[in-house]
N, C-alpha and C. Protein backbone atom coordinates (compact mmCIF):
# COMPACT_ATOMS: atom_id res chain seq x y z
N MET A 1 -16.51 0.06 31.22
CA MET A 1 -16.22 0.72 29.88
C MET A 1 -16.01 -0.28 28.72
N SER A 2 -16.67 -0.04 27.67
CA SER A 2 -16.65 -1.04 26.51
C SER A 2 -15.30 -0.81 25.75
N SER A 3 -14.71 -1.92 25.29
CA SER A 3 -13.49 -1.80 24.59
C SER A 3 -13.76 -1.79 23.00
N GLU A 4 -15.03 -1.92 22.65
CA GLU A 4 -15.40 -2.02 21.29
C GLU A 4 -15.40 -0.50 20.69
N LEU A 5 -14.95 -0.52 19.51
CA LEU A 5 -14.98 0.80 18.80
C LEU A 5 -16.41 1.07 18.16
N HIS A 6 -16.75 2.29 18.19
CA HIS A 6 -17.94 2.65 17.44
C HIS A 6 -17.85 2.31 15.95
N PRO A 7 -18.99 1.77 15.46
CA PRO A 7 -18.81 1.36 13.90
C PRO A 7 -18.32 2.40 13.06
N SER A 8 -18.58 3.79 13.37
CA SER A 8 -18.13 4.84 12.49
C SER A 8 -16.56 4.99 12.60
N ILE A 9 -16.00 4.63 13.69
CA ILE A 9 -14.56 4.63 13.73
C ILE A 9 -14.03 3.47 12.95
N VAL A 10 -14.64 2.34 13.18
CA VAL A 10 -14.14 1.20 12.40
C VAL A 10 -14.15 1.41 10.93
N ALA A 11 -15.44 2.06 10.45
CA ALA A 11 -15.48 2.30 8.97
C ALA A 11 -14.44 3.41 8.53
N LEU A 12 -14.09 4.36 9.33
CA LEU A 12 -13.06 5.31 9.03
C LEU A 12 -11.67 4.63 8.95
N VAL A 13 -11.36 3.76 9.95
CA VAL A 13 -10.09 3.13 9.90
C VAL A 13 -9.99 2.22 8.75
N SER A 14 -11.10 1.53 8.47
CA SER A 14 -11.19 0.59 7.27
C SER A 14 -10.95 1.31 6.01
N LEU A 15 -11.53 2.51 5.81
CA LEU A 15 -11.43 3.42 4.59
C LEU A 15 -9.94 3.70 4.49
N ALA A 16 -9.45 4.30 5.56
CA ALA A 16 -8.05 4.87 5.50
C ALA A 16 -7.10 3.68 5.19
N ALA A 17 -7.24 2.55 5.87
CA ALA A 17 -6.29 1.40 5.57
C ALA A 17 -6.48 0.95 4.14
N ASN A 18 -7.64 0.84 3.65
CA ASN A 18 -7.84 0.41 2.18
C ASN A 18 -7.17 1.38 1.19
N ILE A 19 -7.26 2.66 1.44
CA ILE A 19 -6.67 3.72 0.69
C ILE A 19 -5.05 3.62 0.77
N ALA A 20 -4.65 3.47 1.97
CA ALA A 20 -3.11 3.54 2.26
C ALA A 20 -2.57 2.34 1.69
N ALA A 21 -3.25 1.15 1.70
CA ALA A 21 -2.74 -0.12 1.22
C ALA A 21 -2.92 -0.35 -0.24
N ASN A 22 -3.47 0.73 -0.95
CA ASN A 22 -3.90 0.47 -2.43
C ASN A 22 -4.65 -0.65 -2.68
N HIS A 23 -5.56 -0.97 -1.76
CA HIS A 23 -6.50 -2.04 -1.95
C HIS A 23 -7.29 -1.77 -3.23
N PRO A 24 -7.59 -2.84 -4.08
CA PRO A 24 -8.34 -2.61 -5.22
C PRO A 24 -9.78 -2.03 -5.07
N LYS A 25 -10.36 -2.40 -3.93
CA LYS A 25 -11.76 -1.85 -3.62
C LYS A 25 -11.67 -0.38 -3.13
N GLN A 26 -10.55 0.03 -2.64
CA GLN A 26 -10.26 1.44 -2.21
C GLN A 26 -11.10 1.92 -1.03
N GLY A 27 -11.83 1.02 -0.37
CA GLY A 27 -12.63 1.31 0.77
C GLY A 27 -13.91 2.02 0.32
N LEU A 28 -14.32 1.90 -0.96
CA LEU A 28 -15.54 2.49 -1.33
C LEU A 28 -16.75 2.16 -0.61
N CYS A 29 -16.84 0.87 -0.22
CA CYS A 29 -18.01 0.34 0.52
C CYS A 29 -18.20 1.02 1.85
N GLN A 30 -17.11 1.60 2.40
CA GLN A 30 -17.19 2.21 3.70
C GLN A 30 -17.93 3.58 3.54
N LEU A 31 -17.94 4.22 2.44
CA LEU A 31 -18.49 5.48 2.20
C LEU A 31 -20.05 5.53 2.56
N ASP A 32 -20.64 4.54 2.06
CA ASP A 32 -22.24 4.43 2.27
C ASP A 32 -22.37 4.28 3.89
N LYS A 33 -21.56 3.48 4.53
CA LYS A 33 -21.66 3.20 5.97
C LYS A 33 -21.36 4.45 6.65
N LEU A 34 -20.47 5.15 6.33
CA LEU A 34 -20.03 6.51 6.95
C LEU A 34 -21.17 7.56 6.85
N LYS A 35 -21.84 7.52 5.73
CA LYS A 35 -22.97 8.42 5.43
C LYS A 35 -24.04 8.04 6.35
N GLN A 36 -24.37 6.72 6.49
CA GLN A 36 -25.47 6.19 7.36
C GLN A 36 -25.14 6.60 8.84
N TYR A 37 -23.98 6.53 9.17
CA TYR A 37 -23.56 6.84 10.55
C TYR A 37 -23.53 8.45 10.88
N GLY A 38 -23.68 9.24 9.81
CA GLY A 38 -23.72 10.61 10.01
C GLY A 38 -22.42 11.33 10.17
N VAL A 39 -21.32 10.69 9.65
CA VAL A 39 -20.07 11.19 9.57
C VAL A 39 -19.96 12.26 8.59
N ALA A 40 -19.58 13.43 9.05
CA ALA A 40 -19.53 14.74 8.02
C ALA A 40 -18.58 14.47 6.95
N PRO A 41 -18.94 14.88 5.73
CA PRO A 41 -18.13 14.78 4.58
C PRO A 41 -16.58 15.41 4.75
N GLU A 42 -16.63 16.35 5.56
CA GLU A 42 -15.28 17.09 5.83
C GLU A 42 -14.44 16.12 6.58
N GLN A 43 -14.90 15.35 7.57
CA GLN A 43 -14.09 14.42 8.24
C GLN A 43 -13.74 13.19 7.38
N ILE A 44 -14.61 12.87 6.49
CA ILE A 44 -14.30 11.67 5.59
C ILE A 44 -13.12 12.15 4.70
N ASP A 45 -13.28 13.45 4.11
CA ASP A 45 -12.20 14.04 3.34
C ASP A 45 -10.79 14.10 4.09
N ALA A 46 -10.91 14.47 5.37
CA ALA A 46 -9.63 14.65 6.16
C ALA A 46 -9.01 13.21 6.21
N VAL A 47 -9.79 12.16 6.45
CA VAL A 47 -9.27 10.85 6.55
C VAL A 47 -8.61 10.42 5.14
N ILE A 48 -9.32 10.66 4.14
CA ILE A 48 -8.82 10.36 2.85
C ILE A 48 -7.50 11.02 2.51
N GLU A 49 -7.47 12.29 2.90
CA GLU A 49 -6.26 13.01 2.56
C GLU A 49 -5.13 12.49 3.39
N ILE A 50 -5.36 12.02 4.71
CA ILE A 50 -4.24 11.54 5.50
C ILE A 50 -3.79 10.20 5.03
N ALA A 51 -4.78 9.33 4.72
CA ALA A 51 -4.40 7.99 4.07
C ALA A 51 -3.73 8.15 2.78
N ARG A 52 -4.00 8.98 1.96
CA ARG A 52 -3.29 9.21 0.60
C ARG A 52 -1.96 9.72 0.90
N HIS A 53 -1.79 10.61 1.88
CA HIS A 53 -0.51 11.16 2.26
C HIS A 53 0.42 10.04 2.71
N ILE A 54 -0.06 9.18 3.62
CA ILE A 54 0.70 8.07 4.19
C ILE A 54 1.11 7.17 3.12
N ARG A 55 0.15 6.81 2.21
CA ARG A 55 0.39 5.89 1.00
C ARG A 55 1.56 6.47 0.09
N ASP A 56 1.38 7.76 -0.23
CA ASP A 56 2.34 8.40 -1.13
C ASP A 56 3.69 8.55 -0.41
N GLU A 57 3.65 8.94 0.82
CA GLU A 57 4.91 8.94 1.50
C GLU A 57 5.64 7.62 1.61
N ALA A 58 4.93 6.56 1.82
CA ALA A 58 5.45 5.17 1.83
C ALA A 58 6.03 4.91 0.46
N GLY A 59 5.33 5.09 -0.62
CA GLY A 59 5.82 4.80 -1.90
C GLY A 59 6.97 5.47 -2.28
N GLN A 60 7.08 6.83 -1.89
CA GLN A 60 8.31 7.64 -2.20
C GLN A 60 9.48 7.04 -1.55
N SER A 61 9.24 6.79 -0.22
CA SER A 61 10.30 6.12 0.63
C SER A 61 10.86 4.77 0.02
N LEU A 62 9.97 3.99 -0.36
CA LEU A 62 10.24 2.67 -0.97
C LEU A 62 11.02 2.96 -2.32
N ASP A 63 10.55 3.95 -3.11
CA ASP A 63 11.25 4.36 -4.30
C ASP A 63 12.70 4.72 -4.11
N VAL A 64 12.95 5.56 -3.08
CA VAL A 64 14.23 6.08 -2.78
C VAL A 64 15.13 4.84 -2.27
N SER A 65 14.70 4.02 -1.49
CA SER A 65 15.53 2.98 -1.04
C SER A 65 15.77 1.95 -2.15
N PHE A 66 14.78 1.69 -3.11
CA PHE A 66 15.02 0.97 -4.29
C PHE A 66 16.04 1.54 -5.18
N ASP A 67 15.98 2.83 -5.37
CA ASP A 67 16.91 3.50 -6.24
C ASP A 67 18.36 3.42 -5.69
N GLU A 68 18.40 3.54 -4.38
CA GLU A 68 19.81 3.44 -3.72
C GLU A 68 20.36 2.00 -3.83
N ALA A 69 19.42 0.99 -3.67
CA ALA A 69 19.87 -0.39 -3.82
C ALA A 69 20.25 -0.72 -5.24
N ARG A 70 19.50 -0.12 -6.10
CA ARG A 70 19.67 -0.39 -7.50
C ARG A 70 21.09 0.29 -8.09
N ALA A 71 21.30 1.43 -7.56
CA ALA A 71 22.57 2.17 -7.78
C ALA A 71 23.81 1.37 -7.26
N GLN A 72 23.52 0.72 -6.01
CA GLN A 72 24.66 -0.02 -5.46
C GLN A 72 24.86 -1.32 -6.23
N LYS A 73 23.82 -1.84 -6.78
CA LYS A 73 24.06 -3.05 -7.56
C LYS A 73 24.68 -2.81 -8.92
N ILE A 74 24.27 -1.72 -9.53
CA ILE A 74 24.90 -1.36 -10.77
C ILE A 74 26.37 -1.03 -10.54
N ALA A 75 26.70 -0.29 -9.50
CA ALA A 75 28.09 0.11 -9.25
C ALA A 75 28.97 -1.12 -8.94
N THR A 76 28.48 -2.13 -8.41
CA THR A 76 29.21 -3.41 -8.16
C THR A 76 28.96 -4.62 -9.04
N ALA A 77 28.13 -4.29 -10.07
CA ALA A 77 27.80 -5.38 -10.94
C ALA A 77 28.96 -5.95 -11.79
N LYS A 78 28.92 -7.16 -12.03
CA LYS A 78 30.01 -7.69 -12.86
C LYS A 78 29.21 -8.23 -14.16
N PRO A 79 29.77 -8.04 -15.29
CA PRO A 79 29.06 -8.48 -16.48
C PRO A 79 28.85 -9.91 -16.54
N LEU A 80 27.68 -10.39 -16.89
CA LEU A 80 27.31 -11.77 -17.05
C LEU A 80 27.54 -12.18 -18.46
N SER A 81 27.98 -13.38 -18.70
CA SER A 81 28.03 -13.88 -20.01
C SER A 81 26.67 -14.41 -20.62
N ILE A 82 25.88 -14.84 -19.54
CA ILE A 82 24.51 -15.38 -19.87
C ILE A 82 23.50 -14.82 -18.94
N PRO A 83 22.45 -14.25 -19.42
CA PRO A 83 21.43 -13.81 -18.49
C PRO A 83 20.87 -15.05 -17.60
N VAL A 84 20.72 -14.72 -16.25
CA VAL A 84 20.23 -15.67 -15.35
C VAL A 84 18.75 -15.32 -15.10
N ALA A 85 17.90 -16.11 -15.55
CA ALA A 85 16.34 -15.81 -15.28
C ALA A 85 15.97 -16.17 -13.96
N GLY A 86 15.30 -15.37 -13.26
CA GLY A 86 14.80 -15.75 -11.90
C GLY A 86 15.84 -15.84 -10.81
N ALA A 87 16.97 -15.16 -10.95
CA ALA A 87 18.01 -15.25 -10.04
C ALA A 87 17.65 -14.55 -8.60
N CYS A 88 16.83 -13.48 -8.83
CA CYS A 88 16.57 -12.65 -7.63
C CYS A 88 15.27 -12.88 -6.95
N CYS A 89 14.59 -13.96 -7.39
CA CYS A 89 13.26 -14.35 -6.73
C CYS A 89 12.99 -15.90 -6.79
N THR A 90 12.07 -16.09 -6.02
CA THR A 90 11.71 -17.55 -6.10
C THR A 90 10.58 -17.74 -7.11
N PRO A 91 10.35 -18.98 -7.59
CA PRO A 91 9.34 -19.23 -8.63
C PRO A 91 8.00 -19.31 -7.78
N THR A 92 6.90 -19.08 -8.65
CA THR A 92 5.60 -19.26 -8.01
C THR A 92 5.27 -20.68 -7.76
N PRO A 93 4.26 -20.96 -6.94
CA PRO A 93 4.04 -22.26 -6.62
C PRO A 93 3.81 -23.24 -7.89
N GLY A 94 3.46 -22.67 -8.99
CA GLY A 94 3.30 -23.35 -10.16
C GLY A 94 4.55 -23.39 -10.97
N GLY A 95 5.68 -22.96 -10.51
CA GLY A 95 6.98 -22.95 -11.23
C GLY A 95 7.25 -21.94 -12.04
N ARG A 96 6.49 -20.89 -12.12
CA ARG A 96 6.73 -19.69 -13.13
C ARG A 96 7.65 -18.73 -12.35
N ALA A 97 8.60 -18.17 -13.14
CA ALA A 97 9.54 -17.10 -12.67
C ALA A 97 8.72 -15.85 -12.51
N CYS A 98 9.11 -15.13 -11.52
CA CYS A 98 8.38 -13.76 -11.36
C CYS A 98 9.20 -12.70 -11.78
N CYS A 99 10.44 -12.90 -12.27
CA CYS A 99 11.36 -11.76 -12.68
C CYS A 99 12.27 -12.30 -13.79
């Protein structure tokens, strides 16, 4: 038994991963491959719907945890006399602050 996945499965997984990860290319190059492999448009649509749901669900979850952490920080914050630039992040390799 071969452990290699059929190229159509790889293309579907790649499409879904690109969509769920908000990749800039969005997996669009996979659509031509899927068409060539004879994957039905309904199956592609189902994969896109699932990937978008996972992406949106993850984003909502991150938003909720961020909002909870932000509320906690606001509730326990002490006023600063001077703003501290870059206190919550490390600088880029070039020395620029990211926040």
